[in-house]
Amino acid sequence: MNKNSYASINNLFSAHLARLKKSRMFWGLALLMAGFGVAAPLIAHFEMQKYGVSYSSESRLAWHALLTGYFTAAFTAWFLGTEYSDGAIRNKLIAGHTRRNIYLSSLGICVLAHTALLLLHMVIISVMGQWLIAPFELKAGGIALFYLLSLLVGLNFTAIYTMIVMLNQNKSASVTICMLVCFGLFVAAFYIYAMLAVPEMIPSGDNIVYVDGEALSQELELNPRYVGGVRRIVYKWLLDIIPFGQSIKLAEMKLEDSLRMIICSLCLTAGATLAGLCCFQRKDLK
């Protein structure tokens, strides 16, 4: 990209930033995420004091994981959808901005907004959790990795929803489609996760011993529902490719496959962005 392209993107991004500062939806989501950040450690502290249960700060930090897909869908569809309804995109083209620069600046402002919302939520829980629950059990590197993976999941969702909204000129339709895609990704991820959670061995039905009403077995047999071999490897990759798959793993603080999760996140973001750019270049803007 030449200097003119950088200047164009900078101007477009500055205009988006001015809108973002005035966006009631953004500040409403910020208030909501901050509220969740305060509520999570407070509720945990109350239950610890009243019922004697134990929690870790990490378990509360993971609260946002399953919310990310939904609030990014709502904000991206609403914020960028307004560009079409107000005729702003058409005006930008008339002013001489290229479609590539318009797309990248739109993606950039949504990445900034979603990153700010996630960091606000996580920092509040991190600080209050140390005070009201307990110090982190993970080392600083583990917490930093969790932050990174959480932000990358937000980036994945943002790239997907930006592509959808920039290719749809109807704001209401964009909101609906983004929410449906979000729900579909959640169902797909939950199904794959459930399949991977099926145990390899189960108690044999022919040789069960009951102790105090609890069924114990002296023999185990292969579970016919167990997913193994190449199919299991494929399922593991699919789970990490789907943003909600990573969200489920983050919610349970499962960071063992962090390298694969990072690779999948970067590839998905790049793929969705390139696909969105190519289609937006050819889109007939009315």
Protein backbone atom coordinates (compact mmCIF):
# COMPACT_ATOMS: atom_id res chain seq x y z
CA MET A 1 0.00 0.00 0.00
CA ASN A 2 1.27 3.48 -0.87
CA LYS A 3 1.14 6.67 1.18
CA ASN A 4 -2.20 7.68 -0.35
CA SER A 5 -3.76 4.40 0.75
CA TYR A 6 -2.47 4.81 4.29
CA ALA A 7 -3.77 8.38 4.38
CA SER A 8 -7.16 7.24 3.07
CA ILE A 9 -7.44 4.45 5.66
CA ASN A 10 -6.35 6.85 8.40
CA ASN A 11 -9.03 9.37 7.40
CA LEU A 12 -11.70 6.70 7.20
CA PHE A 13 -10.64 5.21 10.53
CA SER A 14 -10.69 8.65 12.17
CA ALA A 15 -14.25 9.17 10.95
CA HIS A 16 -15.24 5.76 12.36
CA LEU A 17 -13.54 6.61 15.66
CA ALA A 18 -15.53 9.84 15.93
CA ARG A 19 -18.73 7.83 15.43
CA LEU A 20 -17.62 5.22 17.94
CA LYS A 21 -17.12 7.84 20.65
CA LYS A 22 -20.73 8.93 20.17
CA SER A 23 -22.18 5.43 19.80
CA ARG A 24 -24.74 4.68 22.50
CA MET A 25 -24.57 1.00 21.67
CA PHE A 26 -20.81 0.89 22.26
CA TRP A 27 -21.06 2.66 25.60
CA GLY A 28 -24.04 0.49 26.53
CA LEU A 29 -22.04 -2.66 25.80
CA ALA A 30 -19.09 -1.20 27.71
CA LEU A 31 -21.34 -0.66 30.72
CA LEU A 32 -22.73 -4.20 30.36
CA MET A 33 -19.28 -5.81 30.10
CA ALA A 34 -18.03 -3.76 33.04
CA GLY A 35 -21.12 -4.81 35.01
CA PHE A 36 -20.45 -8.48 34.26
CA GLY A 37 -16.83 -7.92 35.26
CA VAL A 38 -17.87 -6.56 38.64
CA ALA A 39 -20.67 -9.09 39.19
CA ALA A 40 -18.59 -12.22 38.53
CA PRO A 41 -16.15 -11.87 41.47
CA LEU A 42 -18.83 -10.38 43.74
CA ILE A 43 -21.17 -13.35 43.24
CA ALA A 44 -18.29 -15.78 43.71
CA HIS A 45 -17.22 -14.01 46.93
CA PHE A 46 -20.80 -14.08 48.26
CA GLU A 47 -21.17 -17.81 47.58
CA MET A 48 -17.78 -18.54 49.12
CA GLN A 49 -18.75 -16.68 52.29
CA LYS A 50 -22.29 -18.05 52.58
CA TYR A 51 -22.01 -21.61 51.29
CA GLY A 52 -18.34 -22.39 51.77
CA VAL A 53 -17.77 -23.25 48.13
CA SER A 54 -14.41 -22.55 46.52
CA TYR A 55 -13.71 -20.71 43.28
CA SER A 56 -10.61 -19.69 41.41
CA SER A 57 -10.09 -16.28 39.84
CA GLU A 58 -9.43 -18.08 36.55
CA SER A 59 -12.94 -19.60 36.54
CA ARG A 60 -14.51 -16.14 36.85
CA LEU A 61 -12.14 -14.65 34.28
CA ALA A 62 -13.51 -17.12 31.72
CA TRP A 63 -17.08 -15.78 32.05
CA HIS A 64 -16.86 -13.66 28.92
CA ALA A 65 -15.86 -16.55 26.65
CA LEU A 66 -19.37 -17.61 25.63
CA LEU A 67 -20.61 -14.00 25.39
CA THR A 68 -18.02 -12.82 22.86
CA GLY A 69 -19.78 -14.20 19.78
CA TYR A 70 -23.05 -12.51 20.63
CA PHE A 71 -21.98 -9.00 21.57
CA THR A 72 -19.56 -8.82 18.61
CA ALA A 73 -22.40 -9.87 16.29
CA ALA A 74 -24.77 -7.25 17.67
CA PHE A 75 -22.25 -4.40 17.60
CA THR A 76 -20.71 -5.16 14.19
CA ALA A 77 -24.07 -5.53 12.47
CA TRP A 78 -25.50 -2.39 14.04
CA PHE A 79 -22.45 -0.13 13.75
CA LEU A 80 -21.42 -1.04 10.20
CA GLY A 81 -25.01 -1.56 9.05
CA THR A 82 -25.63 2.11 9.75
CA GLU A 83 -23.00 2.94 7.12
CA TYR A 84 -25.29 1.51 4.45
CA SER A 85 -28.56 2.88 5.81
CA ASP A 86 -27.10 6.40 6.04
CA GLY A 87 -25.50 6.19 2.59
CA ALA A 88 -22.04 6.74 4.10
CA ILE A 89 -20.34 4.01 2.06
CA ARG A 90 -21.63 5.40 -1.20
CA ASN A 91 -20.45 8.89 -0.19
CA LYS A 92 -17.00 7.55 0.63
CA LEU A 93 -16.73 5.99 -2.81
CA ILE A 94 -17.78 9.26 -4.43
CA ALA A 95 -15.11 11.03 -2.36
CA GLY A 96 -12.47 8.81 -3.97
CA HIS A 97 -11.82 6.18 -1.30
CA THR A 98 -11.20 2.68 -2.61
CA ARG A 99 -13.36 -0.28 -1.58
CA ARG A 100 -10.34 -1.99 -0.04
CA ASN A 101 -9.64 0.98 2.22
CA ILE A 102 -13.31 1.25 3.20
CA TYR A 103 -13.41 -2.44 4.10
CA LEU A 104 -10.16 -2.44 6.07
CA SER A 105 -11.06 0.69 8.03
CA SER A 106 -14.45 -0.83 8.90
CA LEU A 107 -12.79 -4.02 10.08
CA GLY A 108 -10.22 -2.02 12.03
CA ILE A 109 -12.73 0.03 14.01
CA CYS A 110 -14.70 -3.08 14.97
CA VAL A 111 -11.50 -4.84 16.07
CA LEU A 112 -10.64 -1.81 18.21
CA ALA A 113 -14.13 -1.66 19.77
CA HIS A 114 -14.32 -5.38 20.54
CA THR A 115 -10.76 -5.47 21.91
CA ALA A 116 -11.57 -2.55 24.21
CA LEU A 117 -14.75 -4.28 25.48
CA LEU A 118 -12.97 -7.58 26.14
CA LEU A 119 -10.03 -5.93 27.89
CA LEU A 120 -12.37 -3.84 30.03
CA HIS A 121 -14.19 -6.99 31.16
CA MET A 122 -11.09 -9.09 31.76
CA VAL A 123 -9.07 -6.43 33.56
CA ILE A 124 -11.93 -5.68 35.99
CA ILE A 125 -12.33 -9.38 36.82
CA SER A 126 -8.56 -9.87 37.10
CA VAL A 127 -8.20 -7.02 39.60
CA MET A 128 -11.33 -7.73 41.66
CA GLY A 129 -10.78 -11.49 41.55
CA GLN A 130 -7.39 -11.13 43.24
CA TRP A 131 -9.06 -9.19 46.02
CA LEU A 132 -12.40 -11.01 46.48
CA ILE A 133 -11.62 -14.60 45.44
CA ALA A 134 -7.98 -15.66 45.43
CA PRO A 135 -4.69 -14.98 43.65
CA PHE A 136 -4.37 -16.52 40.21
CA GLU A 137 -3.25 -20.15 40.24
CA LEU A 138 -1.78 -19.78 36.75
CA LYS A 139 1.52 -18.00 36.32
CA ALA A 140 1.71 -14.63 34.57
CA GLY A 141 2.52 -16.35 31.27
CA GLY A 142 -0.62 -18.48 31.48
CA ILE A 143 -2.82 -15.46 32.18
CA ALA A 144 -1.19 -13.55 29.31
CA LEU A 145 -1.86 -16.53 27.03
CA PHE A 146 -5.50 -16.59 28.10
CA TYR A 147 -5.79 -12.87 27.31
CA LEU A 148 -4.21 -13.41 23.89
CA LEU A 149 -6.47 -16.33 22.99
CA SER A 150 -9.56 -14.41 24.14
CA LEU A 151 -8.65 -11.41 21.98
CA LEU A 152 -7.97 -13.68 18.99
CA VAL A 153 -11.41 -15.27 19.36
CA GLY A 154 -12.91 -11.79 19.34
CA LEU A 155 -10.86 -11.06 16.21
CA ASN A 156 -12.26 -14.19 14.53
CA PHE A 157 -15.85 -13.21 15.21
CA THR A 158 -15.18 -9.64 14.08
CA ALA A 159 -13.71 -10.77 10.74
CA ILE A 160 -16.67 -13.08 10.06
CA TYR A 161 -19.34 -10.53 10.98
CA THR A 162 -17.60 -7.70 9.11
CA MET A 163 -17.64 -9.82 5.97
CA ILE A 164 -21.36 -10.52 6.40
CA VAL A 165 -22.33 -6.90 7.07
CA MET A 166 -20.19 -5.37 4.32
CA LEU A 167 -21.85 -7.66 1.79
CA ASN A 168 -25.39 -6.89 2.94
CA GLN A 169 -26.92 -3.44 2.46
CA ASN A 170 -29.88 -4.01 4.79
CA LYS A 171 -29.04 -3.32 8.45
CA SER A 172 -31.92 -5.38 9.86
CA ALA A 173 -31.00 -8.32 7.65
CA SER A 174 -27.36 -8.00 8.73
CA VAL A 175 -28.30 -8.17 12.41
CA THR A 176 -30.49 -11.21 11.80
CA ILE A 177 -27.91 -13.05 9.69
CA CYS A 178 -25.10 -12.35 12.15
CA MET A 179 -27.17 -13.66 15.05
CA LEU A 180 -28.17 -16.77 13.09
CA VAL A 181 -24.56 -17.43 12.10
CA CYS A 182 -23.55 -16.92 15.73
CA PHE A 183 -26.12 -19.45 16.93
CA GLY A 184 -25.17 -21.90 14.17
CA LEU A 185 -21.49 -21.70 15.12
CA PHE A 186 -22.40 -22.28 18.76
CA VAL A 187 -24.48 -25.39 17.95
CA ALA A 188 -21.76 -26.79 15.67
CA ALA A 189 -19.03 -26.21 18.26
CA PHE A 190 -21.11 -27.67 21.09
CA TYR A 191 -21.87 -30.79 19.01
CA ILE A 192 -18.20 -31.37 18.13
CA TYR A 193 -17.11 -30.73 21.72
CA ALA A 194 -19.70 -33.21 23.00
CA MET A 195 -18.51 -35.84 20.52
CA LEU A 196 -14.89 -35.38 21.61
CA ALA A 197 -15.93 -35.67 25.26
CA VAL A 198 -17.36 -39.19 24.79
CA PRO A 199 -15.14 -41.60 26.79
CA GLU A 200 -13.22 -44.29 24.96
CA MET A 201 -14.12 -47.03 27.44
CA ILE A 202 -17.40 -47.64 29.29
CA PRO A 203 -18.46 -50.18 31.95
CA SER A 204 -19.47 -53.54 30.53
CA GLY A 205 -23.20 -54.10 30.81
CA ASP A 206 -22.69 -57.83 31.45
CA ASN A 207 -20.62 -57.52 34.59
CA ILE A 208 -21.85 -54.68 36.80
CA VAL A 209 -21.39 -54.61 40.57
CA TYR A 210 -23.53 -52.29 42.71
CA VAL A 211 -22.05 -50.72 45.87
CA ASP A 212 -24.33 -48.51 47.99
CA GLY A 213 -26.64 -48.10 45.03
CA GLU A 214 -23.82 -46.95 42.75
CA ALA A 215 -23.08 -48.97 39.64
CA LEU A 216 -19.46 -50.12 39.49
CA SER A 217 -18.03 -52.41 36.85
CA GLN A 218 -15.08 -54.71 36.99
CA GLU A 219 -14.79 -54.84 33.23
CA LEU A 220 -14.67 -52.14 30.57
CA GLU A 221 -15.57 -52.30 26.91
CA LEU A 222 -14.94 -50.05 23.94
CA ASN A 223 -17.53 -47.30 23.61
CA PRO A 224 -19.11 -47.53 20.11
CA ARG A 225 -19.80 -43.77 20.20
CA TYR A 226 -16.14 -42.89 20.80
CA VAL A 227 -14.56 -40.76 18.08
CA GLY A 228 -11.06 -42.01 17.36
CA GLY A 229 -8.37 -42.16 14.69
CA VAL A 230 -8.25 -39.64 11.87
CA ARG A 231 -11.81 -38.56 12.57
CA ARG A 232 -10.80 -37.41 16.06
CA ILE A 233 -7.90 -35.37 14.68
CA VAL A 234 -10.25 -33.71 12.18
CA TYR A 235 -12.78 -32.95 14.91
CA LYS A 236 -10.10 -31.35 17.10
CA TRP A 237 -9.04 -29.05 14.27
CA LEU A 238 -12.66 -28.21 13.45
CA LEU A 239 -13.31 -27.34 17.08
CA ASP A 240 -10.43 -24.86 17.06
CA ILE A 241 -11.36 -23.44 13.66
CA ILE A 242 -14.87 -22.60 14.86
CA PRO A 243 -14.58 -19.52 17.14
CA PHE A 244 -17.16 -20.87 19.56
CA GLY A 245 -15.11 -24.06 19.84
CA GLN A 246 -12.25 -22.02 21.23
CA SER A 247 -14.72 -20.10 23.42
CA ILE A 248 -15.89 -23.35 25.02
CA LYS A 249 -12.30 -24.39 25.70
CA LEU A 250 -11.48 -20.97 27.16
CA ALA A 251 -14.56 -21.14 29.38
CA GLU A 252 -13.07 -24.32 30.87
CA MET A 253 -9.52 -22.85 30.90
CA LYS A 254 -8.23 -25.57 28.56
CA LEU A 255 -5.08 -24.01 27.10
CA GLU A 256 -3.12 -27.17 26.20
CA ASP A 257 -3.70 -26.74 22.46
CA SER A 258 -2.87 -23.02 22.47
CA LEU A 259 -0.53 -23.18 19.46
CA ARG A 260 -3.17 -24.87 17.31
CA MET A 261 -5.76 -22.38 18.56
CA ILE A 262 -3.55 -19.43 17.59
CA ILE A 263 -2.84 -20.88 14.14
CA CYS A 264 -6.54 -21.53 13.51
CA SER A 265 -7.49 -18.05 14.71
CA LEU A 266 -4.99 -16.31 12.45
CA CYS A 267 -5.91 -18.45 9.43
CA LEU A 268 -9.65 -17.93 9.94
CA THR A 269 -9.26 -14.18 10.36
CA ALA A 270 -7.08 -13.92 7.26
CA GLY A 271 -9.43 -16.14 5.23
CA ALA A 272 -12.59 -14.26 6.23
CA THR A 273 -10.92 -10.90 5.55
CA LEU A 274 -9.62 -11.91 2.11
CA ALA A 275 -12.96 -13.44 1.15
CA GLY A 276 -14.81 -10.35 2.33
CA LEU A 277 -12.45 -8.03 0.45
CA CYS A 278 -12.75 -9.98 -2.81
CA CYS A 279 -16.54 -10.10 -2.64
CA PHE A 280 -16.84 -6.44 -1.60
CA GLN A 281 -14.72 -5.40 -4.58
CA ARG A 282 -17.28 -7.00 -6.91
CA LYS A 283 -20.41 -6.03 -5.00
CA ASP A 284 -22.96 -3.83 -6.76
CA LEU A 285 -23.54 -0.95 -4.35
CA LYS A 286 -26.90 0.65 -5.01
